Amino acid sequence: MIIENKGDIPEKTANQTLADYTESLTDWYIVRTPIKYRKEKGQYFTLPEVSEFMIKQFENINKKEKIRILDPGAGVGIFESTFCEYIKSLEKNIRISFDLYENDINLVTLLRLNMMACAEDMASNGFKVTYRVINKDFILSNASIFNNRNNLDTNKKGYDLVISNPPYYKLRKNSPQVVKTKNIINGSPNIYPIFMALSAKLLKYDGEMLVLTPRSYCSGSYFKNFRKWFFEIVKPCKIHLFNSRRDVFKKYNVLQENIILTAIKTSSIPKNILVSVSNGPPNENEKLIIRSTAYDRVIVKKGEDILMRIPTSDLDDLIAVSVDKLGNNLNTLGFKVSTGPVVPFRAKNFLFNEVDIHNDFVPLIWMHNIVNGTIKWPIEQTKKPIGIMKTDEFKKILIPNKNYILIKRFSTKEGKQRINAGVYLNNILNTDLLGVENHVNYVYKNEEELTSDEAYGIASLLNSRLYNRYFQITNGNTQVNASEIGNLPLPTLEIIREIGKSMRNSKRINAAEKEKIILRALKIDEYIENELITKR
């Protein structure tokens, strides 16, 4: 899509700051482009107040005489205008050169106008700013360097700083960007970690990178190879977490848990990482929560995997250490976790909207059927199908009517409860088969039957405040993946059964008492118990 009428593009006025001008260009563009187009391109523009906060995270800028900066997805250039404003405030004559990648021709026009305004404004204040606007695909342009087919002396030609809010959208497995970076990418990945990896490659040794991204790369199998490679190349020194999933990109109605990572290209492991938290874009009305955390509490090695946790309090640290000590998980204990195989749109002609007494009717379980630790079926008010037809074609995606733990694959948008599990026992429904919709994970045993004590024990652990807090420290995604559930640390099977038996015999006790049963069975510190139960 090309915007035809560009005659009314705003010009910078005398009373506008550089950032104000960039924002006016951005607003002009947003009005003229459909949401669908921007979403397909992964265009979510950084707010000026977020950009200003990010620029201030860089270390030792005022000690440099010249700075070479890369922005791999520049958009309209909010980072550049904010950076120029910041340099003026330092009152030191620093020479700045920008390399700015942008592959949308509409944005290139606006980016060039913005950079002309920046260069002219800086020149009038005694600063020299040069820039290159590169209208190319950042990944494809640099893939040969990434794969060492084209040598790069990063100490001579690398960048001092990288600042980026990379695009955010899924790539196909066979997309050229994935094919050219396949050694660090699994499956059908999102594009943003490839931007992060190439940016790290192009940094000088001891150079800094600042990236505003979703938090989803911190854990999960999709990003496993990326994390292993990335944290070998760069070492985090600061992490900023936004508690609100709405406020960072509020103009675009985006719901995503976002972080700002500041990292240095070095082989030296820092002693600590500074972790800060705000609800939305930091401002003078909200005091930042800042704490120094040991590096190995944030970048955590678990077997062959590396995770990035974000503990925002001493309680988080204690919970992580306590749960990590548990020596088992669902996989080692003989359980399996799978994702519901029924994809409704593929079976839409074989779904029932009401109960049918015929033999070909099979109950279908959705996320909304998981309610307060149990399974409620049917729930007809939802207008969702409640059953699927048992045909030769669909028998392979139906599961035997056995005992299961069913888990929502997505958490509520702003809810504290990230893991929602419900116990399904085989005597609940009169059926030989069961349909499980694709947004539900289920836990089972292959050869044996899950006992009711095991089902209640595991479900109670997953629903507990302890495990939800532990999960949230590592996982900032709304999605709850089967692999992550399978790898959660668990106690012995005896303790799981003991917890399950207590829960089955104490169904009328309140949530706090249930939490106490779990914490005491796991021998969790009394301080954690007090904080989780009385100060929630």
Protein backbone atom coordinates (compact mmCIF):
# COMPACT_ATOMS: atom_id res chain seq x y z
CA MET A 1 0.00 0.00 0.00
CA ILE A 2 1.30 3.46 -0.91
CA ILE A 3 -0.21 6.64 0.54
CA GLU A 4 -1.03 8.72 -2.52
CA ASN A 5 -1.69 12.23 -1.21
CA LYS A 6 1.37 13.40 0.69
CA GLY A 7 0.86 17.09 0.12
CA ASP A 8 -0.46 17.66 3.64
CA ILE A 9 2.44 16.11 5.56
CA PRO A 10 3.07 18.32 8.61
CA GLU A 11 6.04 20.66 8.68
CA LYS A 12 7.94 21.33 11.88
CA THR A 13 6.85 24.49 13.64
CA ALA A 14 9.13 26.73 15.67
CA ASN A 15 7.54 25.83 19.00
CA GLN A 16 7.69 22.05 18.48
CA THR A 17 10.38 19.88 20.04
CA LEU A 18 11.91 17.26 17.79
CA ALA A 19 9.92 14.55 19.58
CA ASP A 20 6.70 16.55 19.15
CA TYR A 21 7.34 16.79 15.44
CA THR A 22 7.98 13.04 15.16
CA GLU A 23 4.73 12.39 16.98
CA SER A 24 2.80 14.64 14.57
CA LEU A 25 4.26 12.72 11.61
CA THR A 26 3.35 9.44 13.28
CA ASP A 27 -0.23 10.56 13.89
CA TRP A 28 -0.49 11.69 10.26
CA TYR A 29 0.58 8.22 9.11
CA ILE A 30 -1.73 6.34 11.47
CA VAL A 31 -4.80 8.24 10.28
CA ARG A 32 -4.02 7.29 6.66
CA THR A 33 -3.23 3.61 7.07
CA PRO A 34 -5.64 0.80 8.02
CA ILE A 35 -5.05 -1.06 11.27
CA LYS A 36 -4.83 -4.30 9.31
CA TYR A 37 -1.95 -2.98 7.20
CA ARG A 38 0.00 -1.78 10.25
CA LYS A 39 -0.62 -5.07 12.05
CA GLU A 40 0.65 -7.10 9.08
CA LYS A 41 3.80 -4.97 9.10
CA GLY A 42 4.19 -5.23 12.88
CA GLN A 43 4.08 -1.44 13.25
CA TYR A 44 3.52 -0.40 16.86
CA PHE A 45 5.12 3.00 17.35
CA THR A 46 6.92 3.94 20.56
CA LEU A 47 5.38 6.67 22.68
CA PRO A 48 7.67 9.72 23.17
CA GLU A 49 7.69 9.28 26.96
CA VAL A 50 8.78 5.64 26.60
CA SER A 51 11.47 6.65 24.10
CA GLU A 52 12.76 9.34 26.45
CA PHE A 53 12.94 6.85 29.32
CA MET A 54 14.79 4.36 27.13
CA ILE A 55 17.43 6.83 25.96
CA LYS A 56 18.29 7.60 29.58
CA GLN A 57 19.12 3.92 30.19
CA PHE A 58 22.28 4.12 28.08
CA GLU A 59 25.48 4.24 30.12
CA ASN A 60 28.33 6.75 29.71
CA ILE A 61 27.02 8.58 26.62
CA ASN A 62 28.50 11.86 27.90
CA LYS A 63 31.99 10.27 27.99
CA LYS A 64 32.02 9.66 24.23
CA GLU A 65 33.28 12.00 21.51
CA LYS A 66 31.44 10.29 18.66
CA ILE A 67 28.66 7.72 18.59
CA ARG A 68 27.57 5.41 15.80
CA ILE A 69 23.97 4.25 16.27
CA LEU A 70 21.85 1.57 14.62
CA ASP A 71 18.05 1.58 14.59
CA PRO A 72 17.04 -1.59 12.69
CA GLY A 73 13.33 -0.71 12.47
CA ALA A 74 13.25 3.07 12.62
CA GLY A 75 9.63 3.82 11.73
CA VAL A 76 9.23 7.58 11.75
CA GLY A 77 12.32 8.10 13.96
CA ILE A 78 11.09 8.74 17.50
CA PHE A 79 14.27 7.30 19.04
CA GLU A 80 16.41 9.57 16.89
CA SER A 81 14.55 12.77 17.73
CA THR A 82 14.50 11.88 21.43
CA PHE A 83 18.22 11.01 21.34
CA CYS A 84 19.03 14.37 19.76
CA GLU A 85 17.03 16.20 22.44
CA TYR A 86 18.88 14.25 25.12
CA ILE A 87 22.31 15.05 23.66
CA LYS A 88 21.44 18.76 23.66
CA SER A 89 20.66 18.53 27.38
CA LEU A 90 24.15 17.10 28.10
CA GLU A 91 25.77 20.26 26.71
CA LYS A 92 28.65 18.26 25.26
CA ASN A 93 29.58 18.34 21.59
CA ILE A 94 29.23 14.72 20.54
CA ARG A 95 29.31 13.72 16.86
CA ILE A 96 26.43 11.38 16.04
CA SER A 97 25.82 9.14 13.03
CA PHE A 98 22.64 7.10 12.57
CA ASP A 99 22.03 4.08 10.35
CA LEU A 100 18.26 3.72 10.05
CA TYR A 101 16.58 0.72 8.44
CA GLU A 102 12.99 1.01 7.29
CA ASN A 103 11.40 -1.11 4.53
CA ASP A 104 8.00 0.61 4.30
CA ILE A 105 8.25 3.31 1.63
CA ASN A 106 5.50 5.36 3.30
CA LEU A 107 7.49 5.54 6.51
CA VAL A 108 10.76 6.20 4.66
CA THR A 109 9.32 9.47 3.37
CA LEU A 110 8.36 10.56 6.89
CA LEU A 111 11.62 9.29 8.39
CA ARG A 112 13.68 11.38 5.96
CA LEU A 113 11.66 14.49 6.80
CA ASN A 114 12.11 13.80 10.50
CA MET A 115 15.87 13.28 10.18
CA MET A 116 16.26 16.45 8.13
CA ALA A 117 14.56 18.33 10.97
CA CYS A 118 16.85 16.63 13.53
CA ALA A 119 20.04 17.41 11.59
CA GLU A 120 19.04 21.06 11.02
CA ASP A 121 18.00 21.58 14.64
CA MET A 122 21.20 19.99 15.96
CA ALA A 123 23.38 21.98 13.55
CA SER A 124 21.78 25.22 14.79
CA ASN A 125 22.80 24.16 18.30
CA GLY A 126 26.40 23.33 17.34
CA PHE A 127 26.09 19.54 16.97
CA LYS A 128 27.02 17.47 13.93
CA VAL A 129 24.50 14.76 13.04
CA THR A 130 24.78 12.54 9.98
CA TYR A 131 22.39 9.78 8.98
CA ARG A 132 21.63 7.08 6.40
CA VAL A 133 18.06 6.00 5.76
CA ILE A 134 18.29 2.45 4.39
CA ASN A 135 15.13 1.35 2.57
CA LYS A 136 15.87 -2.39 2.83
CA ASP A 137 14.85 -5.43 4.84
CA PHE A 138 17.16 -5.33 7.87
CA ILE A 139 17.32 -9.12 8.29
CA LEU A 140 17.93 -10.04 4.66
CA SER A 141 20.49 -7.24 4.28
CA ASN A 142 22.59 -8.56 7.16
CA ALA A 143 21.98 -12.33 7.14
CA SER A 144 25.33 -13.07 5.46
CA ILE A 145 27.15 -11.24 8.25
CA PHE A 146 25.14 -13.16 10.81
CA ASN A 147 26.11 -16.48 9.22
CA ASN A 148 29.77 -15.39 8.87
CA ARG A 149 29.70 -15.62 5.09
CA ASN A 150 30.63 -11.93 4.99
CA ASN A 151 33.20 -11.00 7.60
CA LEU A 152 32.66 -7.91 9.70
CA ASP A 153 35.28 -6.33 11.95
CA THR A 154 32.80 -5.15 14.57
CA ASN A 155 35.45 -3.19 16.49
CA LYS A 156 35.99 -1.00 13.40
CA LYS A 157 32.64 -1.16 11.63
CA GLY A 158 30.27 -2.16 14.40
CA TYR A 159 27.88 0.12 16.23
CA ASP A 160 28.40 1.80 19.59
CA LEU A 161 24.69 1.73 20.35
CA VAL A 162 21.60 -0.07 19.07
CA ILE A 163 18.14 1.14 19.98
CA SER A 164 15.07 -0.63 18.72
CA ASN A 165 11.37 -1.30 18.97
CA PRO A 166 11.42 -4.11 16.40
CA PRO A 167 8.36 -5.20 14.42
CA TYR A 168 6.14 -7.83 16.00
CA TYR A 169 4.46 -10.48 13.87
CA LYS A 170 4.75 -14.21 13.14
CA LEU A 171 6.83 -15.54 10.28
CA ARG A 172 6.16 -18.65 8.21
CA LYS A 173 8.60 -21.55 8.60
CA ASN A 174 9.73 -21.11 5.00
CA SER A 175 10.03 -17.31 5.05
CA PRO A 176 13.47 -16.11 3.86
CA GLN A 177 14.12 -14.44 7.23
CA VAL A 178 13.67 -17.77 9.03
CA VAL A 179 15.62 -19.79 6.46
CA LYS A 180 18.62 -17.45 6.73
CA THR A 181 18.69 -17.54 10.56
CA LYS A 182 17.52 -21.12 11.10
CA ASN A 183 20.36 -21.95 13.52
CA ILE A 184 18.74 -19.83 16.25
CA ILE A 185 15.05 -20.02 15.35
CA ASN A 186 12.53 -22.81 16.01
CA GLY A 187 9.23 -23.42 14.27
CA SER A 188 7.19 -20.45 13.06
CA PRO A 189 8.74 -17.71 15.18
CA ASN A 190 8.02 -14.07 15.72
CA ILE A 191 10.24 -11.68 13.80
CA TYR A 192 11.41 -9.56 16.74
CA PRO A 193 14.05 -11.96 18.22
CA ILE A 194 15.74 -12.13 14.81
CA PHE A 195 16.06 -8.32 14.96
CA MET A 196 17.56 -8.68 18.44
CA ALA A 197 20.06 -11.33 17.31
CA LEU A 198 21.28 -9.40 14.26
CA SER A 199 21.53 -6.20 16.31
CA ALA A 200 23.74 -7.99 18.84
CA LYS A 201 25.93 -9.31 16.01
CA LEU A 202 26.43 -5.79 14.62
CA LEU A 203 27.43 -4.21 17.95
CA LYS A 204 31.01 -3.35 18.76
CA TYR A 205 32.56 -5.19 21.67
CA ASP A 206 31.42 -3.30 24.80
CA GLY A 207 28.65 -1.68 22.73
CA GLU A 208 25.16 -1.31 24.22
CA MET A 209 21.76 -2.30 22.91
CA LEU A 210 18.36 -1.18 24.12
CA VAL A 211 15.29 -3.04 22.92
CA LEU A 212 11.59 -2.64 23.66
CA THR A 213 9.93 -6.00 23.02
CA PRO A 214 7.31 -8.43 24.28
CA ARG A 215 8.47 -10.60 27.14
CA SER A 216 7.70 -13.87 25.39
CA TYR A 217 11.32 -14.66 24.48
CA CYS A 218 12.23 -15.04 28.17
CA SER A 219 11.03 -18.67 28.26
CA GLY A 220 9.48 -21.38 26.13
CA SER A 221 10.75 -23.85 23.55
CA TYR A 222 10.22 -21.56 20.54
CA PHE A 223 12.95 -19.22 21.78
CA LYS A 224 15.29 -21.80 23.36
CA ASN A 225 18.01 -21.66 20.68
CA PHE A 226 17.74 -17.88 20.49
CA ARG A 227 18.23 -17.44 24.25
CA LYS A 228 21.23 -19.74 24.30
CA TRP A 229 22.91 -17.80 21.47
CA PHE A 230 21.85 -14.32 22.54
CA PHE A 231 22.98 -14.50 26.16
CA GLU A 232 26.36 -15.80 25.05
CA ILE A 233 26.84 -12.67 22.92
CA VAL A 234 25.37 -9.99 25.18
CA LYS A 235 24.89 -9.69 28.92
CA PRO A 236 21.85 -7.88 30.38
CA CYS A 237 22.64 -5.06 32.79
CA LYS A 238 19.16 -3.48 33.14
CA ILE A 239 15.60 -4.73 32.68
CA HIS A 240 12.50 -2.58 32.93
CA LEU A 241 9.12 -4.28 33.25
CA PHE A 242 5.76 -2.65 32.53
CA ASN A 243 3.06 -4.08 34.79
CA SER A 244 0.25 -2.88 32.54
CA ARG A 245 -0.24 -4.78 29.31
CA ARG A 246 -2.18 -1.89 27.79
CA ASP A 247 -0.34 1.35 28.48
CA VAL A 248 2.89 0.99 26.48
CA PHE A 249 1.09 0.84 23.11
CA LYS A 250 -2.23 2.26 24.25
CA LYS A 251 -2.75 4.18 21.00
CA TYR A 252 -2.97 0.90 19.13
CA ASN A 253 -5.11 -1.11 21.54
CA VAL A 254 -2.30 -3.67 21.94
CA LEU A 255 -2.43 -6.09 24.85
CA GLN A 256 1.10 -7.34 25.52
CA GLU A 257 3.46 -7.58 28.47
CA ASN A 258 6.50 -5.55 27.43
CA ILE A 259 10.02 -5.10 28.73
CA ILE A 260 12.99 -2.87 27.98
CA LEU A 261 16.26 -4.78 27.94
CA THR A 262 19.60 -2.99 28.21
CA ALA A 263 22.50 -5.30 27.34
CA ILE A 264 26.24 -5.00 26.68
CA LYS A 265 28.22 -7.02 24.16
CA THR A 266 30.78 -8.69 26.39
CA SER A 267 31.98 -12.06 27.59
CA SER A 268 32.20 -10.77 31.17
CA ILE A 269 29.27 -11.70 33.39
CA PRO A 270 28.14 -8.80 35.59
CA LYS A 271 27.56 -9.38 39.26
CA ASN A 272 24.09 -7.82 39.30
CA ILE A 273 21.27 -6.68 37.04
CA LEU A 274 19.14 -3.64 37.80
CA VAL A 275 15.43 -4.53 37.59
CA SER A 276 12.91 -1.69 37.55
CA VAL A 277 9.12 -1.73 37.34
CA SER A 278 6.44 0.79 36.41
CA ASN A 279 2.77 0.40 35.62
CA GLY A 280 2.90 2.20 32.29
CA PRO A 281 5.28 4.75 30.74
CA PRO A 282 7.34 6.16 33.64
CA ASN A 283 6.46 9.69 34.69
CA GLU A 284 6.95 12.06 37.63
CA ASN A 285 3.73 10.84 39.28
CA GLU A 286 4.90 7.25 39.62
CA LYS A 287 7.96 6.27 41.63
CA LEU A 288 9.92 3.50 39.96
CA ILE A 289 10.55 0.30 41.88
CA ILE A 290 14.26 -0.43 41.34
CA ARG A 291 16.26 -3.29 42.81
CA SER A 292 19.63 -4.86 42.17
CA THR A 293 19.38 -8.61 41.57
CA ALA A 294 22.15 -11.19 41.28
CA TYR A 295 22.83 -12.03 37.62
CA ASP A 296 22.24 -15.76 38.11
CA ARG A 297 18.81 -15.06 39.61
CA VAL A 298 17.80 -13.45 36.31
CA ILE A 299 19.70 -15.41 33.66
CA VAL A 300 19.03 -18.93 34.91
CA LYS A 301 20.47 -22.15 33.49
CA LYS A 302 18.07 -25.10 33.70
CA GLY A 303 19.63 -28.17 32.13
CA GLU A 304 20.22 -27.39 28.46
CA ASP A 305 17.99 -24.32 28.60
CA ILE A 306 18.59 -20.71 29.63
CA LEU A 307 15.70 -18.63 30.98
CA MET A 308 15.41 -14.93 31.71
CA ARG A 309 13.45 -14.38 34.89
CA ILE A 310 12.34 -10.99 36.14
CA PRO A 311 12.03 -11.11 39.93
CA THR A 312 10.66 -7.75 41.02
CA SER A 313 10.89 -8.29 44.78
CA ASP A 314 12.72 -10.26 47.47
CA LEU A 315 9.63 -12.47 47.67
CA ASP A 316 10.00 -13.36 43.99
CA ASP A 317 13.62 -14.37 44.58
CA LEU A 318 12.67 -16.59 47.52
CA ILE A 319 9.80 -18.22 45.64
CA ALA A 320 12.03 -18.98 42.66
CA VAL A 321 14.70 -20.57 44.85
CA SER A 322 12.14 -22.57 46.87
CA VAL A 323 10.26 -24.00 43.88
CA ASP A 324 13.47 -24.69 41.94
CA LYS A 325 14.57 -27.02 44.75
CA LEU A 326 11.73 -29.41 43.97
CA GLY A 327 13.38 -32.18 42.01
CA ASN A 328 10.66 -33.48 39.72
CA ASN A 329 8.32 -32.40 36.94
CA LEU A 330 5.35 -33.89 35.12
CA ASN A 331 7.62 -35.50 32.55
CA THR A 332 9.92 -37.19 35.06
CA LEU A 333 6.94 -38.36 37.13
CA GLY A 334 5.45 -40.23 34.16
CA PHE A 335 2.75 -37.74 33.12
CA LYS A 336 2.20 -36.27 29.67
CA VAL A 337 0.97 -32.82 28.65
CA SER A 338 -0.72 -32.32 25.28
CA THR A 339 -2.69 -29.59 23.58
CA GLY A 340 -6.34 -30.18 22.72
CA PRO A 341 -6.50 -31.52 19.13
CA VAL A 342 -9.94 -30.16 18.17
CA VAL A 343 -9.64 -27.04 15.99
CA PRO A 344 -13.25 -25.85 15.63
CA PHE A 345 -13.01 -24.17 12.22
CA ARG A 346 -11.69 -27.42 10.72
CA ALA A 347 -14.67 -29.33 12.09
CA LYS A 348 -17.38 -26.66 11.89
CA ASN A 349 -19.81 -28.89 9.98
CA PHE A 350 -19.54 -31.58 12.67
CA LEU A 351 -20.12 -29.49 15.81
CA PHE A 352 -23.25 -29.57 18.00
CA ASN A 353 -24.71 -26.50 19.68
CA GLU A 354 -26.89 -28.57 22.00
CA VAL A 355 -26.77 -31.99 23.63
CA ASP A 356 -27.68 -34.81 21.26
CA ILE A 357 -28.65 -38.22 22.68
CA HIS A 358 -27.42 -40.13 19.66
CA ASN A 359 -24.32 -42.32 19.88
CA ASP A 360 -22.30 -40.08 17.58
CA PHE A 361 -22.36 -37.15 20.07
CA VAL A 362 -19.11 -36.46 21.98
CA PRO A 363 -18.83 -33.66 24.61
CA LEU A 364 -16.43 -30.86 23.66
CA ILE A 365 -14.45 -29.08 26.41
CA TRP A 366 -13.38 -25.44 25.93
CA MET A 367 -11.45 -23.04 28.16
CA HIS A 368 -14.66 -21.60 29.58
CA ASN A 369 -15.59 -25.07 30.89
CA ILE A 370 -12.67 -24.85 33.36
CA VAL A 371 -14.22 -23.14 36.37
CA ASN A 372 -12.73 -22.84 39.88
CA GLY A 373 -10.66 -25.99 39.65
CA THR A 374 -13.41 -28.15 38.17
CA ILE A 375 -15.02 -28.84 34.80
CA LYS A 376 -18.52 -27.49 34.18
CA TRP A 377 -20.19 -28.90 31.08
CA PRO A 378 -22.31 -27.92 29.30
CA ILE A 379 -22.31 -24.13 29.52
CA GLU A 380 -24.78 -23.26 26.82
CA GLN A 381 -24.91 -19.48 27.33
CA THR A 382 -21.53 -19.04 25.65
CA LYS A 383 -22.92 -19.66 22.14
CA LYS A 384 -19.97 -22.00 21.57
CA PRO A 385 -20.58 -25.56 20.30
CA ILE A 386 -20.77 -28.05 23.15
CA GLY A 387 -20.17 -31.26 21.22
CA ILE A 388 -18.49 -32.83 18.21
CA MET A 389 -19.67 -35.68 16.00
CA LYS A 390 -17.91 -39.03 16.35
CA THR A 391 -17.01 -39.87 12.77
CA ASP A 392 -14.23 -41.99 11.28
CA GLU A 393 -12.53 -38.75 10.24
CA PHE A 394 -12.59 -37.19 13.72
CA LYS A 395 -12.04 -40.26 15.91
CA LYS A 396 -8.28 -39.64 15.76
CA ILE A 397 -8.67 -36.23 17.40
CA LEU A 398 -10.89 -37.47 20.22
CA ILE A 399 -9.40 -38.78 23.46
CA PRO A 400 -10.55 -41.64 25.74
CA ASN A 401 -12.82 -40.73 28.64
CA LYS A 402 -10.26 -40.94 31.45
CA ASN A 403 -9.16 -38.80 34.39
CA TYR A 404 -7.45 -35.61 33.24
CA ILE A 405 -6.24 -32.23 34.42
CA LEU A 406 -7.41 -29.62 31.93
CA ILE A 407 -5.54 -26.30 31.73
CA LYS A 408 -6.45 -23.08 29.96
CA ARG A 409 -3.84 -22.26 27.32
CA PHE A 410 -4.43 -18.54 27.77
CA SER A 411 -4.70 -16.53 30.95
CA THR A 412 -7.12 -13.68 31.48
CA LYS A 413 -6.01 -10.36 30.05
CA GLU A 414 -5.07 -8.53 33.24
CA GLY A 415 -5.62 -11.28 35.79
CA LYS A 416 -3.12 -12.38 38.42
CA GLN A 417 -4.03 -16.03 37.82
CA ARG A 418 -1.82 -17.19 34.96
CA ILE A 419 -2.45 -20.93 35.30
CA ASN A 420 -6.05 -22.13 35.45
CA ALA A 421 -6.46 -25.89 35.88
CA GLY A 422 -9.54 -28.04 36.41
CA VAL A 423 -9.96 -31.68 37.39
CA TYR A 424 -11.92 -33.90 35.03
CA LEU A 425 -12.86 -37.34 36.37
CA ASN A 426 -14.17 -40.02 34.02
CA ASN A 427 -17.49 -40.38 35.87
CA ILE A 428 -18.49 -36.74 35.23
CA LEU A 429 -19.90 -37.42 31.77
CA ASN A 430 -21.53 -40.52 30.30
CA THR A 431 -19.32 -40.93 27.24
CA ASP A 432 -16.54 -43.15 25.96
CA LEU A 433 -14.71 -40.33 24.18
CA LEU A 434 -14.02 -36.66 24.84
CA GLY A 435 -13.26 -33.68 22.63
CA VAL A 436 -10.72 -31.14 23.89
CA GLU A 437 -10.60 -27.82 22.07
CA ASN A 438 -7.26 -26.45 20.87
CA HIS A 439 -7.05 -23.69 23.51
CA VAL A 440 -6.92 -26.27 26.32
CA ASN A 441 -3.93 -28.35 27.48
CA TYR A 442 -4.52 -31.67 29.22
CA VAL A 443 -2.41 -33.78 31.59
CA TYR A 444 -2.71 -37.57 31.55
CA LYS A 445 -0.86 -40.88 31.82
CA ASN A 446 -0.25 -42.95 28.72
CA GLU A 447 -0.67 -46.49 30.02
CA GLU A 448 -2.23 -46.00 33.44
CA GLU A 449 -5.13 -43.96 34.80
CA LEU A 450 -4.45 -40.72 36.65
CA THR A 451 -5.74 -41.29 40.18
CA SER A 452 -8.14 -38.74 41.64
CA ASP A 453 -5.57 -37.85 44.33
CA GLU A 454 -2.96 -37.20 41.63
CA ALA A 455 -5.41 -35.13 39.60
CA TYR A 456 -6.46 -32.98 42.56
CA GLY A 457 -2.87 -32.69 43.80
CA ILE A 458 -1.43 -31.47 40.51
CA ALA A 459 -4.38 -29.18 39.76
CA SER A 460 -4.16 -27.64 43.25
CA LEU A 461 -0.44 -26.95 42.81
CA LEU A 462 -0.97 -25.38 39.39
CA ASN A 463 -3.82 -23.18 40.67
CA SER A 464 -1.95 -22.12 43.81
CA ARG A 465 -0.69 -18.59 44.43
CA LEU A 466 2.79 -20.04 44.87
CA TYR A 467 2.93 -21.57 41.39
CA ASN A 468 1.21 -18.67 39.69
CA ARG A 469 3.72 -16.27 41.21
CA TYR A 470 6.59 -18.58 40.18
CA PHE A 471 5.22 -18.87 36.64
CA GLN A 472 4.81 -15.11 36.32
CA ILE A 473 8.45 -14.45 37.30
CA THR A 474 9.58 -16.25 34.15
CA ASN A 475 6.63 -16.12 31.79
CA GLY A 476 5.16 -12.80 30.72
CA ASN A 477 2.99 -14.28 28.05
CA THR A 478 -0.76 -14.75 28.21
CA GLN A 479 -0.15 -18.17 26.67
CA VAL A 480 0.45 -21.21 28.86
CA ASN A 481 2.40 -23.71 26.76
CA ALA A 482 2.29 -27.46 27.28
CA SER A 483 6.10 -27.63 27.39
CA GLU A 484 6.29 -25.03 30.16
CA ILE A 485 3.68 -26.86 32.24
CA GLY A 486 5.54 -30.11 31.69
CA ASN A 487 8.79 -28.61 32.98
CA LEU A 488 7.46 -26.87 36.11
CA PRO A 489 9.31 -28.15 39.22
CA LEU A 490 7.15 -30.50 41.30
CA PRO A 491 7.51 -32.48 44.54
CA THR A 492 7.47 -36.26 44.76
CA LEU A 493 4.42 -38.24 43.69
CA GLU A 494 3.77 -39.09 47.37
CA ILE A 495 3.51 -35.40 48.27
CA ILE A 496 1.32 -34.70 45.24
CA ARG A 497 -1.06 -37.48 46.32
CA GLU A 498 -1.02 -36.22 49.89
CA ILE A 499 -2.00 -32.72 48.72
CA GLY A 500 -4.70 -34.17 46.46
CA LYS A 501 -6.18 -36.27 49.25
CA SER A 502 -6.27 -33.25 51.58
CA MET A 503 -8.01 -31.17 48.92
CA ARG A 504 -10.61 -33.83 48.18
CA ASN A 505 -11.38 -34.18 51.88
CA SER A 506 -11.49 -30.42 52.46
CA LYS A 507 -13.54 -29.07 49.57
CA ARG A 508 -15.33 -26.48 51.69
CA ILE A 509 -12.26 -24.73 53.10
CA ASN A 510 -11.35 -21.29 51.81
CA ALA A 511 -8.56 -20.41 49.37
CA ALA A 512 -6.14 -19.31 52.10
CA GLU A 513 -6.44 -22.64 53.92
CA LYS A 514 -5.91 -24.53 50.68
CA GLU A 515 -2.76 -22.49 50.08
CA LYS A 516 -1.51 -23.38 53.56
CA ILE A 517 -2.00 -27.09 52.85
CA ILE A 518 0.19 -26.77 49.76
CA LEU A 519 2.89 -24.59 51.33
CA ARG A 520 3.24 -26.81 54.38
CA ALA A 521 3.31 -30.02 52.34
CA LEU A 522 6.16 -28.50 50.32
CA LYS A 523 7.87 -27.21 53.50
CA ILE A 524 7.93 -23.66 52.14
CA ASP A 525 9.37 -20.94 54.38
CA GLU A 526 6.88 -19.27 56.77
CA TYR A 527 7.85 -15.83 55.46
CA ILE A 528 6.66 -16.82 51.97
CA GLU A 529 3.46 -18.25 53.45
CA ASN A 530 2.77 -15.03 55.30
CA GLU A 531 3.45 -12.84 52.26
CA LEU A 532 1.37 -14.94 49.87
CA ILE A 533 -1.62 -15.41 52.13
CA THR A 534 -1.93 -12.32 54.33
CA LYS A 535 -0.46 -9.65 52.02
CA ARG A 536 -1.86 -10.67 48.69
